Amino acid sequence: MELGTVTAIFRSAVLQILILSAPVLLIGMGVGLIVSVFQATTSIQEQTLTFIPKIAAILLSLFVFGPWMFSTLAQYTLRLLQTIPDIAN
């Protein structure tokens, strides 16, 4: 296996990780920002207030984006498995 092939596989794996995790992370970050602004404007400094909305938003985003994430990951895995014979030669 050549170094260029390993680099391409690693690069595509990292890209897939970034693409698949982006929706969940962005939604969690957005909800966290909204809760932080709410806490700052109302002077409520409860530490546990941020967890429940974030957890709910992340679970909802996993429910919404889960099928897309699974199909994307399955397609990537199939592409990777189909390249095994080409790598072995």
PDB file of N, CA and C in Angstrom:
ATOM      1  N   MET A   1       0.843  -1.161   0.000  1.00  0.00           N
ATOM      2  CA  MET A   1       0.000   0.000   0.000  1.00  0.00           C
ATOM      3  C   MET A   1       0.894   1.231   0.000  1.00  0.00           C
ATOM      4  N   GLU A   2       0.564   2.144  -0.875  1.00  0.00           N
ATOM      5  CA  GLU A   2       1.378   3.336  -1.023  1.00  0.00           C
ATOM      6  C   GLU A   2       0.954   4.421  -0.031  1.00  0.00           C
ATOM      7  N   LEU A   3       1.856   5.340   0.174  1.00  0.00           N
ATOM      8  CA  LEU A   3       1.584   6.419   1.115  1.00  0.00           C
ATOM      9  C   LEU A   3       0.435   7.300   0.635  1.00  0.00           C
ATOM     10  N   GLY A   4       0.342   7.522  -0.667  1.00  0.00           N
ATOM     11  CA  GLY A   4      -0.744   8.336  -1.216  1.00  0.00           C
ATOM     12  C   GLY A   4      -2.102   7.704  -0.986  1.00  0.00           C
ATOM     13  N   THR A   5      -2.163   6.377  -1.074  1.00  0.00           N
ATOM     14  CA  THR A   5      -3.428   5.677  -0.832  1.00  0.00           C
ATOM     15  C   THR A   5      -3.844   5.789   0.630  1.00  0.00           C
ATOM     16  N   VAL A   6      -2.894   5.607   1.507  1.00  0.00           N
ATOM     17  CA  VAL A   6      -3.184   5.726   2.942  1.00  0.00           C
ATOM     18  C   VAL A   6      -3.630   7.149   3.272  1.00  0.00           C
ATOM     19  N   THR A   7      -2.976   8.121   2.697  1.00  0.00           N
ATOM     20  CA  THR A   7      -3.336   9.519   2.931  1.00  0.00           C
ATOM     21  C   THR A   7      -4.746   9.812   2.423  1.00  0.00           C
ATOM     22  N   ALA A   8      -5.088   9.288   1.253  1.00  0.00           N
ATOM     23  CA  ALA A   8      -6.423   9.517   0.694  1.00  0.00           C
ATOM     24  C   ALA A   8      -7.497   8.856   1.557  1.00  0.00           C
ATOM     25  N   ILE A   9      -7.231   7.656   2.033  1.00  0.00           N
ATOM     26  CA  ILE A   9      -8.202   6.970   2.902  1.00  0.00           C
ATOM     27  C   ILE A   9      -8.368   7.734   4.211  1.00  0.00           C
ATOM     28  N   PHE A  10      -7.270   8.167   4.795  1.00  0.00           N
ATOM     29  CA  PHE A  10      -7.332   8.915   6.048  1.00  0.00           C
ATOM     30  C   PHE A  10      -8.061  10.241   5.856  1.00  0.00           C
ATOM     31  N   ARG A  11      -7.770  10.920   4.758  1.00  0.00           N
ATOM     32  CA  ARG A  11      -8.415  12.204   4.482  1.00  0.00           C
ATOM     33  C   ARG A  11      -9.915  12.034   4.304  1.00  0.00           C
ATOM     34  N   SER A  12     -10.327  11.008   3.567  1.00  0.00           N
ATOM     35  CA  SER A  12     -11.760  10.800   3.366  1.00  0.00           C
ATOM     36  C   SER A  12     -12.451  10.385   4.655  1.00  0.00           C
ATOM     37  N   ALA A  13     -11.753   9.642   5.515  1.00  0.00           N
ATOM     38  CA  ALA A  13     -12.343   9.262   6.803  1.00  0.00           C
ATOM     39  C   ALA A  13     -12.540  10.481   7.688  1.00  0.00           C
ATOM     40  N   VAL A  14     -11.574  11.357   7.755  1.00  0.00           N
ATOM     41  CA  VAL A  14     -11.694  12.569   8.566  1.00  0.00           C
ATOM     42  C   VAL A  14     -12.802  13.467   8.017  1.00  0.00           C
ATOM     43  N   LEU A  15     -12.902  13.558   6.690  1.00  0.00           N
ATOM     44  CA  LEU A  15     -13.954  14.357   6.077  1.00  0.00           C
ATOM     45  C   LEU A  15     -15.334  13.792   6.402  1.00  0.00           C
ATOM     46  N   GLN A  16     -15.463  12.478   6.381  1.00  0.00           N
ATOM     47  CA  GLN A  16     -16.733  11.851   6.737  1.00  0.00           C
ATOM     48  C   GLN A  16     -17.093  12.123   8.198  1.00  0.00           C
ATOM     49  N   ILE A  17     -16.121  12.053   9.071  1.00  0.00           N
ATOM     50  CA  ILE A  17     -16.364  12.343  10.488  1.00  0.00           C
ATOM     51  C   ILE A  17     -16.848  13.778  10.666  1.00  0.00           C
ATOM     52  N   LEU A  18     -16.214  14.715   9.981  1.00  0.00           N
ATOM     53  CA  LEU A  18     -16.615  16.115  10.094  1.00  0.00           C
ATOM     54  C   LEU A  18     -18.014  16.343   9.536  1.00  0.00           C
ATOM     55  N   ILE A  19     -18.311  15.727   8.399  1.00  0.00           N
ATOM     56  CA  ILE A  19     -19.621  15.904   7.771  1.00  0.00           C
ATOM     57  C   ILE A  19     -20.719  15.287   8.636  1.00  0.00           C
ATOM     58  N   LEU A  20     -20.461  14.104   9.187  1.00  0.00           N
ATOM     59  CA  LEU A  20     -21.490  13.433   9.970  1.00  0.00           C
ATOM     60  C   LEU A  20     -21.720  14.077  11.336  1.00  0.00           C
ATOM     61  N   SER A  21     -20.693  14.642  11.914  1.00  0.00           N
ATOM     62  CA  SER A  21     -20.862  15.228  13.252  1.00  0.00           C
ATOM     63  C   SER A  21     -21.287  16.691  13.213  1.00  0.00           C
ATOM     64  N   ALA A  22     -21.168  17.340  12.079  1.00  0.00           N
ATOM     65  CA  ALA A  22     -21.455  18.776  11.995  1.00  0.00           C
ATOM     66  C   ALA A  22     -22.885  19.144  12.382  1.00  0.00           C
ATOM     67  N   PRO A  23     -23.917  18.472  11.866  1.00  0.00           N
ATOM     68  CA  PRO A  23     -25.274  18.912  12.240  1.00  0.00           C
ATOM     69  C   PRO A  23     -25.543  18.830  13.742  1.00  0.00           C
ATOM     70  N   VAL A  24     -25.130  17.744  14.362  1.00  0.00           N
ATOM     71  CA  VAL A  24     -25.380  17.565  15.797  1.00  0.00           C
ATOM     72  C   VAL A  24     -24.588  18.593  16.607  1.00  0.00           C
ATOM     73  N   LEU A  25     -23.340  18.795  16.250  1.00  0.00           N
ATOM     74  CA  LEU A  25     -22.514  19.753  16.992  1.00  0.00           C
ATOM     75  C   LEU A  25     -23.005  21.184  16.816  1.00  0.00           C
ATOM     76  N   LEU A  26     -23.413  21.540  15.601  1.00  0.00           N
ATOM     77  CA  LEU A  26     -23.892  22.897  15.365  1.00  0.00           C
ATOM     78  C   LEU A  26     -25.209  23.162  16.094  1.00  0.00           C
ATOM     79  N   ILE A  27     -26.089  22.186  16.116  1.00  0.00           N
ATOM     80  CA  ILE A  27     -27.348  22.361  16.836  1.00  0.00           C
ATOM     81  C   ILE A  27     -27.090  22.472  18.339  1.00  0.00           C
ATOM     82  N   GLY A  28     -26.216  21.628  18.858  1.00  0.00           N
ATOM     83  CA  GLY A  28     -25.865  21.716  20.278  1.00  0.00           C
ATOM     84  C   GLY A  28     -25.230  23.045  20.628  1.00  0.00           C
ATOM     85  N   MET A  29     -24.368  23.538  19.746  1.00  0.00           N
ATOM     86  CA  MET A  29     -23.725  24.811  19.992  1.00  0.00           C
ATOM     87  C   MET A  29     -24.731  25.961  19.919  1.00  0.00           C
ATOM     88  N   GLY A  30     -25.653  25.882  18.967  1.00  0.00           N
ATOM     89  CA  GLY A  30     -26.673  26.921  18.844  1.00  0.00           C
ATOM     90  C   GLY A  30     -27.593  26.967  20.045  1.00  0.00           C
ATOM     91  N   VAL A  31     -28.027  25.809  20.511  1.00  0.00           N
ATOM     92  CA  VAL A  31     -28.887  25.763  21.699  1.00  0.00           C
ATOM     93  C   VAL A  31     -28.119  26.259  22.923  1.00  0.00           C
ATOM     94  N   GLY A  32     -26.867  25.896  23.036  1.00  0.00           N
ATOM     95  CA  GLY A  32     -26.050  26.382  24.151  1.00  0.00           C
ATOM     96  C   GLY A  32     -25.899  27.889  24.132  1.00  0.00           C
ATOM     97  N   LEU A  33     -25.742  28.459  22.934  1.00  0.00           N
ATOM     98  CA  LEU A  33     -25.633  29.912  22.819  1.00  0.00           C
ATOM     99  C   LEU A  33     -26.935  30.599  23.202  1.00  0.00           C
ATOM    100  N   ILE A  34     -28.050  30.029  22.742  1.00  0.00           N
ATOM    101  CA  ILE A  34     -29.353  30.609  23.081  1.00  0.00           C
ATOM    102  C   ILE A  34     -29.595  30.554  24.591  1.00  0.00           C
ATOM    103  N   VAL A  35     -29.283  29.431  25.209  1.00  0.00           N
ATOM    104  CA  VAL A  35     -29.466  29.307  26.664  1.00  0.00           C
ATOM    105  C   VAL A  35     -28.530  30.263  27.404  1.00  0.00           C
ATOM    106  N   SER A  36     -27.314  30.432  26.920  1.00  0.00           N
ATOM    107  CA  SER A  36     -26.374  31.363  27.571  1.00  0.00           C
ATOM    108  C   SER A  36     -26.864  32.797  27.483  1.00  0.00           C
ATOM    109  N   VAL A  37     -27.398  33.182  26.325  1.00  0.00           N
ATOM    110  CA  VAL A  37     -27.941  34.533  26.190  1.00  0.00           C
ATOM    111  C   VAL A  37     -29.151  34.702  27.104  1.00  0.00           C
ATOM    112  N   PHE A  38     -29.992  33.680  27.191  1.00  0.00           N
ATOM    113  CA  PHE A  38     -31.153  33.737  28.089  1.00  0.00           C
ATOM    114  C   PHE A  38     -30.704  33.875  29.540  1.00  0.00           C
ATOM    115  N   GLN A  39     -29.685  33.132  29.912  1.00  0.00           N
ATOM    116  CA  GLN A  39     -29.182  33.219  31.287  1.00  0.00           C
ATOM    117  C   GLN A  39     -28.580  34.587  31.569  1.00  0.00           C
ATOM    118  N   ALA A  40     -27.896  35.149  30.587  1.00  0.00           N
ATOM    119  CA  ALA A  40     -27.270  36.457  30.799  1.00  0.00           C
ATOM    120  C   ALA A  40     -28.320  37.566  30.910  1.00  0.00           C
ATOM    121  N   THR A  41     -29.397  37.457  30.132  1.00  0.00           N
ATOM    122  CA  THR A  41     -30.405  38.522  30.177  1.00  0.00           C
ATOM    123  C   THR A  41     -31.296  38.427  31.408  1.00  0.00           C
ATOM    124  N   THR A  42     -31.511  37.227  31.917  1.00  0.00           N
ATOM    125  CA  THR A  42     -32.390  37.075  33.079  1.00  0.00           C
ATOM    126  C   THR A  42     -31.631  36.948  34.391  1.00  0.00           C
ATOM    127  N   SER A  43     -30.337  36.961  34.343  1.00  0.00           N
ATOM    128  CA  SER A  43     -29.466  36.830  35.517  1.00  0.00           C
ATOM    129  C   SER A  43     -29.688  35.515  36.258  1.00  0.00           C
ATOM    130  N   ILE A  44     -30.139  34.487  35.547  1.00  0.00           N
ATOM    131  CA  ILE A  44     -30.260  33.150  36.132  1.00  0.00           C
ATOM    132  C   ILE A  44     -28.933  32.447  35.895  1.00  0.00           C
ATOM    133  N   GLN A  45     -28.243  32.097  36.932  1.00  0.00           N
ATOM    134  CA  GLN A  45     -26.928  31.478  36.789  1.00  0.00           C
ATOM    135  C   GLN A  45     -26.944  30.020  37.251  1.00  0.00           C
ATOM    136  N   GLU A  46     -27.992  29.317  36.940  1.00  0.00           N
ATOM    137  CA  GLU A  46     -28.105  27.908  37.309  1.00  0.00           C
ATOM    138  C   GLU A  46     -27.242  27.076  36.353  1.00  0.00           C
ATOM    139  N   GLN A  47     -26.335  26.282  36.899  1.00  0.00           N
ATOM    140  CA  GLN A  47     -25.404  25.496  36.094  1.00  0.00           C
ATOM    141  C   GLN A  47     -26.104  24.390  35.324  1.00  0.00           C
ATOM    142  N   THR A  48     -27.120  23.789  35.933  1.00  0.00           N
ATOM    143  CA  THR A  48     -27.759  22.633  35.305  1.00  0.00           C
ATOM    144  C   THR A  48     -28.792  23.026  34.252  1.00  0.00           C
ATOM    145  N   LEU A  49     -29.099  24.297  34.130  1.00  0.00           N
ATOM    146  CA  LEU A  49     -30.095  24.754  33.164  1.00  0.00           C
ATOM    147  C   LEU A  49     -29.654  24.504  31.725  1.00  0.00           C
ATOM    148  N   THR A  50     -28.371  24.486  31.485  1.00  0.00           N
ATOM    149  CA  THR A  50     -27.895  24.324  30.107  1.00  0.00           C
ATOM    150  C   THR A  50     -27.960  22.884  29.627  1.00  0.00           C
ATOM    151  N   PHE A  51     -27.952  21.931  30.520  1.00  0.00           N
ATOM    152  CA  PHE A  51     -27.849  20.533  30.098  1.00  0.00           C
ATOM    153  C   PHE A  51     -29.115  19.989  29.454  1.00  0.00           C
ATOM    154  N   ILE A  52     -30.259  20.248  30.049  1.00  0.00           N
ATOM    155  CA  ILE A  52     -31.501  19.643  29.554  1.00  0.00           C
ATOM    156  C   ILE A  52     -31.853  20.129  28.151  1.00  0.00           C
ATOM    157  N   PRO A  53     -31.807  21.434  27.849  1.00  0.00           N
ATOM    158  CA  PRO A  53     -32.093  21.841  26.470  1.00  0.00           C
ATOM    159  C   PRO A  53     -31.078  21.296  25.456  1.00  0.00           C
ATOM    160  N   LYS A  54     -29.798  21.245  25.852  1.00  0.00           N
ATOM    161  CA  LYS A  54     -28.785  20.714  24.945  1.00  0.00           C
ATOM    162  C   LYS A  54     -29.012  19.234  24.665  1.00  0.00           C
ATOM    163  N   ILE A  55     -29.274  18.471  25.716  1.00  0.00           N
ATOM    164  CA  ILE A  55     -29.504  17.039  25.541  1.00  0.00           C
ATOM    165  C   ILE A  55     -30.736  16.796  24.685  1.00  0.00           C
ATOM    166  N   ALA A  56     -31.800  17.549  24.925  1.00  0.00           N
ATOM    167  CA  ALA A  56     -33.019  17.391  24.142  1.00  0.00           C
ATOM    168  C   ALA A  56     -32.782  17.751  22.679  1.00  0.00           C
ATOM    169  N   ALA A  57     -32.059  18.835  22.439  1.00  0.00           N
ATOM    170  CA  ALA A  57     -31.791  19.252  21.059  1.00  0.00           C
ATOM    171  C   ALA A  57     -30.898  18.247  20.345  1.00  0.00           C
ATOM    172  N   ILE A  58     -29.904  17.720  21.031  1.00  0.00           N
ATOM    173  CA  ILE A  58     -29.009  16.743  20.407  1.00  0.00           C
ATOM    174  C   ILE A  58     -29.746  15.445  20.117  1.00  0.00           C
ATOM    175  N   LEU A  59     -30.591  14.994  21.041  1.00  0.00           N
ATOM    176  CA  LEU A  59     -31.374  13.785  20.782  1.00  0.00           C
ATOM    177  C   LEU A  59     -32.344  13.991  19.628  1.00  0.00           C
ATOM    178  N   LEU A  60     -32.969  15.151  19.561  1.00  0.00           N
ATOM    179  CA  LEU A  60     -33.869  15.451  18.456  1.00  0.00           C
ATOM    180  C   LEU A  60     -33.120  15.516  17.128  1.00  0.00           C
ATOM    181  N   SER A  61     -31.934  16.129  17.141  1.00  0.00           N
ATOM    182  CA  SER A  61     -31.149  16.192  15.905  1.00  0.00           C
ATOM    183  C   SER A  61     -30.666  14.805  15.483  1.00  0.00           C
ATOM    184  N   LEU A  62     -30.331  13.942  16.435  1.00  0.00           N
ATOM    185  CA  LEU A  62     -29.966  12.567  16.082  1.00  0.00           C
ATOM    186  C   LEU A  62     -31.158  11.817  15.504  1.00  0.00           C
ATOM    187  N   PHE A  63     -32.339  12.094  16.036  1.00  0.00           N
ATOM    188  CA  PHE A  63     -33.548  11.469  15.503  1.00  0.00           C
ATOM    189  C   PHE A  63     -33.828  11.955  14.081  1.00  0.00           C
ATOM    190  N   VAL A  64     -33.633  13.243  13.831  1.00  0.00           N
ATOM    191  CA  VAL A  64     -33.908  13.807  12.506  1.00  0.00           C
ATOM    192  C   VAL A  64     -32.820  13.430  11.508  1.00  0.00           C
ATOM    193  N   PHE A  65     -31.551  13.589  11.899  1.00  0.00           N
ATOM    194  CA  PHE A  65     -30.449  13.361  10.970  1.00  0.00           C
ATOM    195  C   PHE A  65     -29.914  11.938  11.000  1.00  0.00           C
ATOM    196  N   GLY A  66     -30.420  11.100  11.901  1.00  0.00           N
ATOM    197  CA  GLY A  66     -29.920   9.737  12.036  1.00  0.00           C
ATOM    198  C   GLY A  66     -29.979   8.906  10.766  1.00  0.00           C
ATOM    199  N   PRO A  67     -31.122   8.867  10.069  1.00  0.00           N
ATOM    200  CA  PRO A  67     -31.160   8.073   8.828  1.00  0.00           C
ATOM    201  C   PRO A  67     -30.163   8.560   7.775  1.00  0.00           C
ATOM    202  N   TRP A  68     -30.033   9.880   7.650  1.00  0.00           N
ATOM    203  CA  TRP A  68     -29.066  10.411   6.694  1.00  0.00           C
ATOM    204  C   TRP A  68     -27.636  10.052   7.104  1.00  0.00           C
ATOM    205  N   MET A  69     -27.347  10.163   8.396  1.00  0.00           N
ATOM    206  CA  MET A  69     -26.012   9.841   8.884  1.00  0.00           C
ATOM    207  C   MET A  69     -25.700   8.365   8.651  1.00  0.00           C
ATOM    208  N   PHE A  70     -26.670   7.498   8.916  1.00  0.00           N
ATOM    209  CA  PHE A  70     -26.455   6.068   8.722  1.00  0.00           C
ATOM    210  C   PHE A  70     -26.247   5.730   7.253  1.00  0.00           C
ATOM    211  N   SER A  71     -27.061   6.304   6.371  1.00  0.00           N
ATOM    212  CA  SER A  71     -26.906   5.988   4.943  1.00  0.00           C
ATOM    213  C   SER A  71     -25.586   6.520   4.397  1.00  0.00           C
ATOM    214  N   THR A  72     -25.179   7.702   4.851  1.00  0.00           N
ATOM    215  CA  THR A  72     -23.887   8.247   4.418  1.00  0.00           C
ATOM    216  C   THR A  72     -22.738   7.378   4.894  1.00  0.00           C
ATOM    217  N   LEU A  73     -22.802   6.942   6.137  1.00  0.00           N
ATOM    218  CA  LEU A  73     -21.749   6.083   6.679  1.00  0.00           C
ATOM    219  C   LEU A  73     -21.743   4.724   5.997  1.00  0.00           C
ATOM    220  N   ALA A  74     -22.915   4.191   5.677  1.00  0.00           N
ATOM    221  CA  ALA A  74     -22.994   2.907   4.979  1.00  0.00           C
ATOM    222  C   ALA A  74     -22.416   3.020   3.570  1.00  0.00           C
ATOM    223  N   GLN A  75     -22.710   4.117   2.870  1.00  0.00           N
ATOM    224  CA  GLN A  75     -22.153   4.316   1.534  1.00  0.00           C
ATOM    225  C   GLN A  75     -20.636   4.444   1.589  1.00  0.00           C
ATOM    226  N   TYR A  76     -20.141   5.167   2.580  1.00  0.00           N
ATOM    227  CA  TYR A  76     -18.687   5.308   2.719  1.00  0.00           C
ATOM    228  C   TYR A  76     -18.035   3.955   3.002  1.00  0.00           C
ATOM    229  N   THR A  77     -18.657   3.171   3.870  1.00  0.00           N
ATOM    230  CA  THR A  77     -18.112   1.854   4.205  1.00  0.00           C
ATOM    231  C   THR A  77     -18.107   0.942   2.985  1.00  0.00           C
ATOM    232  N   LEU A  78     -19.182   0.972   2.210  1.00  0.00           N
ATOM    233  CA  LEU A  78     -19.214   0.155   0.994  1.00  0.00           C
ATOM    234  C   LEU A  78     -18.147   0.589   0.007  1.00  0.00           C
ATOM    235  N   ARG A  79     -17.963   1.908  -0.172  1.00  0.00           N
ATOM    236  CA  ARG A  79     -16.897   2.396  -1.057  1.00  0.00           C
ATOM    237  C   ARG A  79     -15.528   1.943  -0.570  1.00  0.00           C
ATOM    238  N   LEU A  80     -15.331   2.007   0.737  1.00  0.00           N
ATOM    239  CA  LEU A  80     -14.050   1.595   1.312  1.00  0.00           C
ATOM    240  C   LEU A  80     -13.813   0.105   1.120  1.00  0.00           C
ATOM    241  N   LEU A  81     -14.848  -0.705   1.325  1.00  0.00           N
ATOM    242  CA  LEU A  81     -14.715  -2.163   1.130  1.00  0.00           C
ATOM    243  C   LEU A  81     -14.501  -2.516  -0.338  1.00  0.00           C
ATOM    244  N   GLN A  82     -15.082  -1.733  -1.247  1.00  0.00           N
ATOM    245  CA  GLN A  82     -14.894  -2.009  -2.662  1.00  0.00           C
ATOM    246  C   GLN A  82     -13.503  -1.628  -3.144  1.00  0.00           C
ATOM    247  N   THR A  83     -12.805  -0.769  -2.425  1.00  0.00           N
ATOM    248  CA  THR A  83     -11.455  -0.399  -2.823  1.00  0.00           C
ATOM    249  C   THR A  83     -10.386  -1.352  -2.296  1.00  0.00           C
ATOM    250  N   ILE A  84     -10.783  -2.306  -1.450  1.00  0.00           N
ATOM    251  CA  ILE A  84      -9.804  -3.246  -0.900  1.00  0.00           C
ATOM    252  C   ILE A  84      -9.081  -4.041  -1.998  1.00  0.00           C
ATOM    253  N   PRO A  85      -9.788  -4.586  -2.996  1.00  0.00           N
ATOM    254  CA  PRO A  85      -9.048  -5.298  -4.046  1.00  0.00           C
ATOM    255  C   PRO A  85      -8.075  -4.420  -4.829  1.00  0.00           C
ATOM    256  N   ASP A  86      -8.440  -3.153  -5.019  1.00  0.00           N
ATOM    257  CA  ASP A  86      -7.540  -2.239  -5.722  1.00  0.00           C
ATOM    258  C   ASP A  86      -6.305  -1.931  -4.892  1.00  0.00           C
ATOM    259  N   ILE A  87      -6.469  -1.857  -3.575  1.00  0.00           N
ATOM    260  CA  ILE A  87      -5.337  -1.581  -2.698  1.00  0.00           C
ATOM    261  C   ILE A  87      -4.402  -2.789  -2.626  1.00  0.00           C
ATOM    262  N   ALA A  88      -4.982  -3.973  -2.643  1.00  0.00           N
ATOM    263  CA  ALA A  88      -4.179  -5.193  -2.506  1.00  0.00           C
ATOM    264  C   ALA A  88      -3.275  -5.427  -3.716  1.00  0.00           C
ATOM    265  N   ASN A  89      -3.651  -4.907  -4.869  1.00  0.00           N
ATOM    266  CA  ASN A  89      -2.827  -5.126  -6.083  1.00  0.00           C
ATOM    267  C   ASN A  89      -1.622  -4.280  -6.133  1.00  0.00           C
TER     268      ASN A  89
END
